[in-house]
């Protein structure tokens, strides 16, 4: 680590401890040339996820947008917000753990539907009807038939 006082490139770590939130490490360092001490903070570098929309446009992944869709699907259903937040966290972790930095919106939609199917079947059908853009009652009934068959 480069010394901010003399510019020397070598230093030793004198003390190391996590910050209050635990999201980064605070390190006290001592320059091996001038002997002065300074503090550095070490954090995990996060690479943002990019969502490729149906029309080909790209935008940054927005967890709040996904949570909002889940909340709308579960409106007036006996589903706790904590369940939806947990689902969002699982989906976000799944996406982050994949080696892809650009994700199709369709892939996110499928993951959301998988989680909704486990949480609440009515919410799943609501989300699927908007997401898959059912054109008529026939396509809606096909989806319901699949749901009933898998029980």
N, C-alpha and C. Protein backbone atom coordinates (compact mmCIF):
# COMPACT_ATOMS: atom_id res chain seq x y z
N UNK A 1 0.86 -1.18 0.00
CA UNK A 1 0.00 0.00 0.00
C UNK A 1 0.90 1.23 0.00
N UNK A 2 0.63 2.14 -0.89
CA UNK A 2 1.45 3.35 -1.05
C UNK A 2 1.21 4.31 0.12
N UNK A 3 2.28 4.78 0.74
CA UNK A 3 2.20 5.71 1.86
C UNK A 3 1.70 7.07 1.35
N UNK A 4 0.66 7.63 2.00
CA UNK A 4 0.14 8.93 1.56
C UNK A 4 1.07 10.10 1.89
N UNK A 5 2.08 9.87 2.74
CA UNK A 5 2.99 10.94 3.17
C UNK A 5 4.25 11.01 2.32
N UNK A 6 4.91 9.84 2.15
CA UNK A 6 6.18 9.86 1.41
C UNK A 6 6.12 9.13 0.07
N UNK A 7 5.03 8.38 -0.20
CA UNK A 7 4.87 7.69 -1.46
C UNK A 7 5.56 6.34 -1.54
N UNK A 8 6.19 5.90 -0.45
CA UNK A 8 6.87 4.60 -0.44
C UNK A 8 5.83 3.49 -0.60
N UNK A 9 6.16 2.44 -1.36
CA UNK A 9 5.18 1.40 -1.70
C UNK A 9 5.04 0.27 -0.68
N UNK A 10 5.88 0.23 0.33
CA UNK A 10 5.81 -0.86 1.30
C UNK A 10 5.34 -0.35 2.67
N UNK A 11 4.41 -1.12 3.26
CA UNK A 11 3.93 -0.80 4.61
C UNK A 11 3.59 -2.11 5.31
N UNK A 12 3.47 -2.03 6.63
CA UNK A 12 3.07 -3.22 7.37
C UNK A 12 1.76 -2.92 8.09
N UNK A 13 0.95 -3.96 8.26
CA UNK A 13 -0.33 -3.83 8.95
C UNK A 13 -0.08 -3.93 10.45
N UNK A 14 -0.51 -2.88 11.17
CA UNK A 14 -0.33 -2.82 12.62
C UNK A 14 -1.56 -3.36 13.34
N UNK A 15 -2.75 -3.04 12.82
CA UNK A 15 -4.00 -3.46 13.43
C UNK A 15 -5.04 -3.68 12.33
N UNK A 16 -5.89 -4.67 12.52
CA UNK A 16 -6.92 -4.99 11.54
C UNK A 16 -8.20 -5.33 12.27
N UNK A 17 -9.31 -4.67 11.91
CA UNK A 17 -10.59 -5.00 12.55
C UNK A 17 -11.75 -4.66 11.62
N UNK A 18 -12.87 -5.40 11.77
CA UNK A 18 -14.03 -5.10 10.92
C UNK A 18 -14.70 -3.80 11.36
N UNK A 19 -15.36 -3.13 10.43
CA UNK A 19 -16.12 -1.93 10.79
C UNK A 19 -17.39 -2.36 11.50
N UNK A 20 -18.16 -1.41 11.99
CA UNK A 20 -19.38 -1.72 12.75
C UNK A 20 -20.36 -2.57 11.96
N UNK A 21 -20.52 -2.28 10.67
CA UNK A 21 -21.47 -3.03 9.85
C UNK A 21 -20.89 -4.37 9.41
N UNK A 22 -19.59 -4.54 9.49
CA UNK A 22 -18.96 -5.78 9.05
C UNK A 22 -18.78 -5.87 7.55
N UNK A 23 -19.09 -4.78 6.85
CA UNK A 23 -19.00 -4.81 5.39
C UNK A 23 -17.61 -4.47 4.88
N UNK A 24 -16.75 -3.98 5.74
CA UNK A 24 -15.37 -3.73 5.31
C UNK A 24 -14.41 -3.87 6.49
N UNK A 25 -13.13 -3.92 6.18
CA UNK A 25 -12.08 -4.11 7.18
C UNK A 25 -11.29 -2.81 7.28
N UNK A 26 -11.10 -2.34 8.51
CA UNK A 26 -10.28 -1.15 8.75
C UNK A 26 -8.88 -1.64 9.13
N UNK A 27 -7.87 -1.12 8.45
CA UNK A 27 -6.48 -1.53 8.72
C UNK A 27 -5.64 -0.31 9.06
N UNK A 28 -4.90 -0.40 10.17
CA UNK A 28 -3.91 0.61 10.52
C UNK A 28 -2.59 0.11 9.95
N UNK A 29 -1.93 0.96 9.22
CA UNK A 29 -0.67 0.59 8.57
C UNK A 29 0.43 1.54 9.00
N UNK A 30 1.65 1.03 8.88
CA UNK A 30 2.83 1.84 9.19
C UNK A 30 3.78 1.76 8.01
N UNK A 31 4.19 2.93 7.51
CA UNK A 31 5.11 2.99 6.38
C UNK A 31 6.48 2.48 6.81
N UNK A 32 7.08 1.63 5.98
CA UNK A 32 8.39 1.07 6.31
C UNK A 32 9.53 2.05 6.01
N UNK A 33 9.22 3.16 5.37
CA UNK A 33 10.24 4.16 5.06
C UNK A 33 10.22 5.31 6.08
N UNK A 34 9.09 6.01 6.19
CA UNK A 34 9.03 7.19 7.07
C UNK A 34 8.49 6.87 8.46
N UNK A 35 7.88 5.70 8.64
CA UNK A 35 7.40 5.29 9.96
C UNK A 35 6.05 5.90 10.36
N UNK A 36 5.44 6.70 9.49
CA UNK A 36 4.15 7.31 9.83
C UNK A 36 3.03 6.29 9.64
N UNK A 37 1.96 6.47 10.40
CA UNK A 37 0.82 5.54 10.34
C UNK A 37 -0.34 6.16 9.57
N UNK A 38 -1.08 5.29 8.91
CA UNK A 38 -2.27 5.71 8.17
C UNK A 38 -3.28 4.58 8.17
N UNK A 39 -4.52 4.92 7.85
CA UNK A 39 -5.62 3.95 7.88
C UNK A 39 -6.12 3.67 6.47
N UNK A 40 -6.39 2.40 6.19
CA UNK A 40 -7.00 2.02 4.92
C UNK A 40 -8.25 1.20 5.22
N UNK A 41 -9.16 1.17 4.26
CA UNK A 41 -10.38 0.37 4.37
C UNK A 41 -10.44 -0.58 3.19
N UNK A 42 -10.72 -1.84 3.49
CA UNK A 42 -10.79 -2.88 2.46
C UNK A 42 -12.24 -3.33 2.32
N UNK A 43 -12.78 -3.26 1.10
CA UNK A 43 -14.15 -3.70 0.85
C UNK A 43 -14.16 -4.68 -0.32
N UNK A 44 -15.23 -5.44 -0.41
CA UNK A 44 -15.40 -6.38 -1.51
C UNK A 44 -15.84 -5.58 -2.73
N UNK A 45 -15.20 -5.84 -3.84
CA UNK A 45 -15.57 -5.19 -5.08
C UNK A 45 -16.77 -5.91 -5.67
N UNK A 46 -17.82 -5.14 -5.93
CA UNK A 46 -19.01 -5.77 -6.50
C UNK A 46 -19.15 -5.34 -7.96
N UNK A 47 -19.39 -6.34 -8.79
CA UNK A 47 -19.57 -6.08 -10.21
C UNK A 47 -21.07 -6.01 -10.45
N UNK A 48 -21.56 -4.89 -10.98
CA UNK A 48 -23.00 -4.76 -11.15
C UNK A 48 -23.55 -5.72 -12.21
N UNK A 49 -24.76 -6.19 -11.95
CA UNK A 49 -25.45 -7.04 -12.91
C UNK A 49 -26.20 -6.16 -13.89
N UNK A 50 -26.21 -6.54 -15.15
CA UNK A 50 -26.93 -5.80 -16.18
C UNK A 50 -28.04 -6.70 -16.72
N UNK A 51 -29.24 -6.14 -16.80
CA UNK A 51 -30.40 -6.88 -17.29
C UNK A 51 -30.64 -6.50 -18.75
N UNK A 52 -30.75 -7.53 -19.60
CA UNK A 52 -31.07 -7.31 -21.01
C UNK A 52 -32.58 -7.49 -21.15
N UNK A 53 -33.26 -6.41 -21.49
CA UNK A 53 -34.71 -6.41 -21.61
C UNK A 53 -35.15 -7.09 -22.92
N UNK A 54 -36.44 -7.35 -23.05
CA UNK A 54 -36.98 -8.00 -24.25
C UNK A 54 -36.68 -7.21 -25.52
N UNK A 55 -36.68 -5.87 -25.40
CA UNK A 55 -36.42 -5.03 -26.58
C UNK A 55 -34.93 -4.86 -26.89
N UNK A 56 -34.08 -5.52 -26.11
CA UNK A 56 -32.64 -5.46 -26.35
C UNK A 56 -31.92 -4.38 -25.55
N UNK A 57 -32.67 -3.50 -24.90
CA UNK A 57 -32.03 -2.45 -24.11
C UNK A 57 -31.43 -3.06 -22.84
N UNK A 58 -30.49 -2.35 -22.26
CA UNK A 58 -29.81 -2.82 -21.06
C UNK A 58 -30.00 -1.83 -19.93
N UNK A 59 -30.17 -2.36 -18.73
CA UNK A 59 -30.25 -1.50 -17.55
C UNK A 59 -29.70 -2.25 -16.34
N UNK A 60 -29.30 -1.50 -15.34
CA UNK A 60 -28.73 -2.10 -14.13
C UNK A 60 -29.81 -2.91 -13.40
N UNK A 61 -29.39 -4.02 -12.83
CA UNK A 61 -30.31 -4.86 -12.05
C UNK A 61 -30.81 -4.04 -10.87
N UNK A 62 -32.12 -4.10 -10.63
CA UNK A 62 -32.73 -3.35 -9.54
C UNK A 62 -33.54 -4.30 -8.67
N UNK A 63 -33.00 -4.60 -7.51
CA UNK A 63 -33.65 -5.51 -6.57
C UNK A 63 -35.03 -4.98 -6.17
N UNK A 64 -35.14 -3.67 -5.98
CA UNK A 64 -36.42 -3.08 -5.55
C UNK A 64 -37.51 -3.28 -6.60
N UNK A 65 -37.13 -3.27 -7.86
CA UNK A 65 -38.09 -3.49 -8.93
C UNK A 65 -38.63 -4.93 -8.87
N UNK A 66 -37.74 -5.87 -8.60
CA UNK A 66 -38.14 -7.27 -8.48
C UNK A 66 -39.05 -7.45 -7.26
N UNK A 67 -38.67 -6.85 -6.14
CA UNK A 67 -39.47 -6.95 -4.92
C UNK A 67 -40.85 -6.33 -5.13
N UNK A 68 -40.90 -5.23 -5.85
CA UNK A 68 -42.17 -4.57 -6.14
C UNK A 68 -43.10 -5.50 -6.93
N UNK A 69 -42.57 -6.20 -7.90
CA UNK A 69 -43.36 -7.16 -8.67
C UNK A 69 -43.89 -8.29 -7.81
N UNK A 70 -43.07 -8.77 -6.88
CA UNK A 70 -43.50 -9.82 -5.97
C UNK A 70 -44.60 -9.32 -5.04
N UNK A 71 -44.44 -8.11 -4.54
CA UNK A 71 -45.45 -7.53 -3.64
C UNK A 71 -46.79 -7.37 -4.36
N UNK A 72 -46.75 -6.91 -5.61
CA UNK A 72 -47.99 -6.75 -6.40
C UNK A 72 -48.67 -8.10 -6.61
N UNK A 73 -47.88 -9.11 -6.90
CA UNK A 73 -48.45 -10.45 -7.13
C UNK A 73 -49.08 -11.02 -5.86
N UNK A 74 -48.53 -10.65 -4.71
CA UNK A 74 -49.01 -11.20 -3.44
C UNK A 74 -49.99 -10.28 -2.71
N UNK A 75 -50.44 -9.24 -3.41
CA UNK A 75 -51.38 -8.30 -2.80
C UNK A 75 -52.63 -9.04 -2.32
N UNK A 76 -53.03 -8.75 -1.08
CA UNK A 76 -54.21 -9.34 -0.43
C UNK A 76 -54.09 -10.86 -0.27
N UNK A 77 -52.87 -11.35 -0.20
CA UNK A 77 -52.60 -12.77 0.04
C UNK A 77 -51.88 -12.90 1.38
N UNK A 78 -52.03 -14.04 2.05
CA UNK A 78 -51.39 -14.22 3.36
C UNK A 78 -49.88 -14.54 3.24
N UNK A 79 -49.14 -13.59 2.68
CA UNK A 79 -47.71 -13.79 2.47
C UNK A 79 -46.97 -12.67 3.19
N UNK A 80 -46.03 -13.03 4.04
CA UNK A 80 -45.26 -12.05 4.79
C UNK A 80 -44.22 -11.38 3.88
N UNK A 81 -43.99 -10.10 4.12
CA UNK A 81 -43.00 -9.36 3.34
C UNK A 81 -41.61 -9.99 3.50
N UNK A 82 -41.35 -10.55 4.68
CA UNK A 82 -40.05 -11.19 4.91
C UNK A 82 -39.84 -12.37 3.97
N UNK A 83 -40.91 -13.10 3.62
CA UNK A 83 -40.80 -14.21 2.67
C UNK A 83 -40.39 -13.70 1.29
N UNK A 84 -40.98 -12.57 0.90
CA UNK A 84 -40.67 -11.99 -0.41
C UNK A 84 -39.25 -11.44 -0.43
N UNK A 85 -38.82 -10.83 0.66
CA UNK A 85 -37.45 -10.32 0.74
C UNK A 85 -36.45 -11.47 0.70
N UNK A 86 -36.78 -12.58 1.37
CA UNK A 86 -35.92 -13.76 1.33
C UNK A 86 -35.82 -14.30 -0.09
N UNK A 87 -36.95 -14.35 -0.79
CA UNK A 87 -36.96 -14.82 -2.18
C UNK A 87 -36.09 -13.92 -3.04
N UNK A 88 -36.21 -12.61 -2.85
CA UNK A 88 -35.38 -11.65 -3.61
C UNK A 88 -33.90 -11.90 -3.33
N UNK A 89 -33.57 -12.11 -2.06
CA UNK A 89 -32.17 -12.36 -1.70
C UNK A 89 -31.64 -13.63 -2.36
N UNK A 90 -32.47 -14.68 -2.36
CA UNK A 90 -32.06 -15.94 -2.98
C UNK A 90 -31.86 -15.77 -4.49
N UNK A 91 -32.79 -15.07 -5.13
CA UNK A 91 -32.69 -14.85 -6.58
C UNK A 91 -31.46 -14.01 -6.90
N UNK A 92 -31.27 -12.94 -6.13
CA UNK A 92 -30.11 -12.07 -6.35
C UNK A 92 -28.80 -12.83 -6.15
N UNK A 93 -28.75 -13.68 -5.12
CA UNK A 93 -27.55 -14.49 -4.88
C UNK A 93 -27.32 -15.47 -6.02
N UNK A 94 -28.39 -16.08 -6.51
CA UNK A 94 -28.30 -17.01 -7.64
C UNK A 94 -27.73 -16.31 -8.87
N UNK A 95 -28.21 -15.11 -9.13
CA UNK A 95 -27.75 -14.35 -10.29
C UNK A 95 -26.30 -13.90 -10.10
N UNK A 96 -25.96 -13.47 -8.89
CA UNK A 96 -24.59 -13.01 -8.62
C UNK A 96 -23.60 -14.16 -8.68
N UNK A 97 -24.03 -15.34 -8.24
CA UNK A 97 -23.13 -16.50 -8.23
C UNK A 97 -22.89 -17.09 -9.61
N UNK A 98 -23.80 -16.77 -10.53
CA UNK A 98 -23.55 -17.22 -11.90
C UNK A 98 -22.41 -16.36 -12.44
N UNK A 99 -21.70 -16.86 -13.37
CA UNK A 99 -20.55 -16.12 -13.89
C UNK A 99 -20.95 -15.06 -14.90
N UNK A 100 -22.24 -14.99 -15.19
CA UNK A 100 -22.73 -14.02 -16.17
C UNK A 100 -22.92 -12.66 -15.52
N UNK A 101 -22.52 -11.61 -16.19
CA UNK A 101 -22.72 -10.24 -15.71
C UNK A 101 -23.90 -9.60 -16.42
N UNK A 102 -24.32 -10.19 -17.53
CA UNK A 102 -25.50 -9.73 -18.26
C UNK A 102 -26.53 -10.86 -18.25
N UNK A 103 -27.73 -10.54 -17.78
CA UNK A 103 -28.76 -11.56 -17.61
C UNK A 103 -30.01 -11.13 -18.38
N UNK A 104 -30.61 -12.08 -19.07
CA UNK A 104 -31.86 -11.82 -19.78
C UNK A 104 -32.98 -11.61 -18.75
N UNK A 105 -33.87 -10.67 -19.02
CA UNK A 105 -34.99 -10.42 -18.11
C UNK A 105 -35.87 -11.67 -18.00
N UNK A 106 -35.93 -12.45 -19.07
CA UNK A 106 -36.73 -13.68 -19.05
C UNK A 106 -36.20 -14.66 -18.01
N UNK A 107 -34.88 -14.72 -17.85
CA UNK A 107 -34.28 -15.62 -16.86
C UNK A 107 -34.68 -15.19 -15.45
N UNK A 108 -34.71 -13.89 -15.20
CA UNK A 108 -35.11 -13.38 -13.89
C UNK A 108 -36.59 -13.69 -13.65
N UNK A 109 -37.41 -13.49 -14.67
CA UNK A 109 -38.83 -13.79 -14.56
C UNK A 109 -39.10 -15.24 -14.21
N UNK A 110 -38.35 -16.15 -14.83
CA UNK A 110 -38.51 -17.58 -14.55
C UNK A 110 -38.13 -17.90 -13.10
N UNK A 111 -37.04 -17.29 -12.62
CA UNK A 111 -36.62 -17.50 -11.23
C UNK A 111 -37.67 -16.98 -10.25
N UNK A 112 -38.23 -15.82 -10.57
CA UNK A 112 -39.28 -15.25 -9.72
C UNK A 112 -40.48 -16.19 -9.68
N UNK A 113 -40.88 -16.72 -10.83
CA UNK A 113 -42.03 -17.63 -10.87
C UNK A 113 -41.76 -18.91 -10.08
N UNK A 114 -40.54 -19.43 -10.16
CA UNK A 114 -40.19 -20.63 -9.38
C UNK A 114 -40.39 -20.38 -7.89
N UNK A 115 -39.91 -19.23 -7.42
CA UNK A 115 -40.04 -18.91 -6.00
C UNK A 115 -41.49 -18.64 -5.62
N UNK A 116 -42.23 -17.95 -6.47
CA UNK A 116 -43.63 -17.67 -6.17
C UNK A 116 -44.47 -18.94 -6.11
N UNK A 117 -44.13 -19.91 -6.95
CA UNK A 117 -44.88 -21.18 -6.95
C UNK A 117 -44.76 -21.86 -5.59
N UNK A 118 -43.59 -21.72 -4.96
CA UNK A 118 -43.37 -22.32 -3.63
C UNK A 118 -44.05 -21.51 -2.52
N UNK A 119 -44.13 -20.20 -2.71
CA UNK A 119 -44.66 -19.31 -1.68
C UNK A 119 -46.19 -19.30 -1.68
N UNK A 120 -46.79 -19.03 -2.85
CA UNK A 120 -48.24 -18.89 -2.94
C UNK A 120 -48.67 -19.12 -4.39
N UNK A 121 -49.51 -20.12 -4.61
CA UNK A 121 -49.90 -20.49 -5.98
C UNK A 121 -50.75 -19.42 -6.66
N UNK A 122 -51.59 -18.74 -5.89
CA UNK A 122 -52.42 -17.68 -6.48
C UNK A 122 -51.53 -16.53 -6.95
N UNK A 123 -50.56 -16.16 -6.12
CA UNK A 123 -49.61 -15.11 -6.50
C UNK A 123 -48.81 -15.53 -7.73
N UNK A 124 -48.48 -16.81 -7.79
CA UNK A 124 -47.75 -17.34 -8.95
C UNK A 124 -48.57 -17.15 -10.22
N UNK A 125 -49.87 -17.50 -10.17
CA UNK A 125 -50.74 -17.38 -11.34
C UNK A 125 -50.90 -15.91 -11.73
N UNK A 126 -51.02 -15.03 -10.74
CA UNK A 126 -51.12 -13.60 -11.02
C UNK A 126 -49.87 -13.11 -11.76
N UNK A 127 -48.71 -13.46 -11.21
CA UNK A 127 -47.45 -13.01 -11.81
C UNK A 127 -47.30 -13.60 -13.21
N UNK A 128 -47.60 -14.89 -13.36
CA UNK A 128 -47.46 -15.56 -14.65
C UNK A 128 -48.39 -14.93 -15.70
N UNK A 129 -49.60 -14.54 -15.28
CA UNK A 129 -50.55 -13.97 -16.24
C UNK A 129 -50.03 -12.65 -16.81
N UNK A 130 -49.33 -11.86 -15.99
CA UNK A 130 -48.76 -10.61 -16.48
C UNK A 130 -47.45 -10.88 -17.22
N UNK A 131 -46.61 -11.71 -16.62
CA UNK A 131 -45.29 -11.97 -17.19
C UNK A 131 -45.38 -12.67 -18.55
N UNK A 132 -46.23 -13.67 -18.63
CA UNK A 132 -46.35 -14.44 -19.89
C UNK A 132 -47.37 -13.84 -20.84
N UNK A 133 -48.01 -12.79 -20.43
CA UNK A 133 -48.97 -12.05 -21.25
C UNK A 133 -50.00 -12.99 -21.89
N UNK A 134 -50.77 -13.66 -21.03
CA UNK A 134 -51.81 -14.55 -21.52
C UNK A 134 -52.75 -13.78 -22.44
N UNK A 135 -52.97 -14.33 -23.63
CA UNK A 135 -53.79 -13.65 -24.64
C UNK A 135 -55.28 -13.93 -24.46
N UNK A 136 -55.58 -15.14 -23.95
CA UNK A 136 -56.98 -15.49 -23.78
C UNK A 136 -57.14 -16.47 -22.63
N UNK A 137 -58.35 -16.87 -22.37
CA UNK A 137 -58.64 -17.77 -21.27
C UNK A 137 -58.02 -19.15 -21.48
N UNK A 138 -57.84 -19.55 -22.75
CA UNK A 138 -57.25 -20.86 -23.05
C UNK A 138 -55.81 -20.98 -22.55
N UNK A 139 -55.01 -19.97 -22.81
CA UNK A 139 -53.61 -20.02 -22.33
C UNK A 139 -53.57 -19.94 -20.81
N UNK A 140 -54.50 -19.20 -20.24
CA UNK A 140 -54.59 -19.11 -18.78
C UNK A 140 -54.93 -20.48 -18.19
N UNK A 141 -55.87 -21.17 -18.82
CA UNK A 141 -56.29 -22.50 -18.35
C UNK A 141 -55.16 -23.52 -18.51
N UNK A 142 -54.37 -23.39 -19.56
CA UNK A 142 -53.22 -24.29 -19.75
C UNK A 142 -52.26 -24.17 -18.57
N UNK A 143 -51.98 -22.95 -18.16
CA UNK A 143 -51.07 -22.72 -17.03
C UNK A 143 -51.65 -23.29 -15.75
N UNK A 144 -52.96 -23.09 -15.54
CA UNK A 144 -53.60 -23.66 -14.36
C UNK A 144 -53.56 -25.18 -14.38
N UNK A 145 -53.75 -25.77 -15.56
CA UNK A 145 -53.71 -27.24 -15.69
C UNK A 145 -52.33 -27.77 -15.32
N UNK A 146 -51.27 -27.07 -15.76
CA UNK A 146 -49.90 -27.49 -15.40
C UNK A 146 -49.70 -27.43 -13.90
N UNK A 147 -50.23 -26.38 -13.29
CA UNK A 147 -50.09 -26.20 -11.85
C UNK A 147 -50.81 -27.31 -11.10
N UNK A 148 -52.01 -27.64 -11.53
CA UNK A 148 -52.79 -28.70 -10.88
C UNK A 148 -52.13 -30.06 -11.10
N UNK A 149 -51.59 -30.30 -12.27
CA UNK A 149 -50.94 -31.59 -12.58
C UNK A 149 -49.69 -31.80 -11.74
N UNK A 150 -49.00 -30.74 -11.38
CA UNK A 150 -47.76 -30.87 -10.61
C UNK A 150 -47.98 -31.03 -9.10
N UNK A 151 -49.24 -31.02 -8.67
CA UNK A 151 -49.50 -31.16 -7.23
C UNK A 151 -49.45 -32.56 -6.76
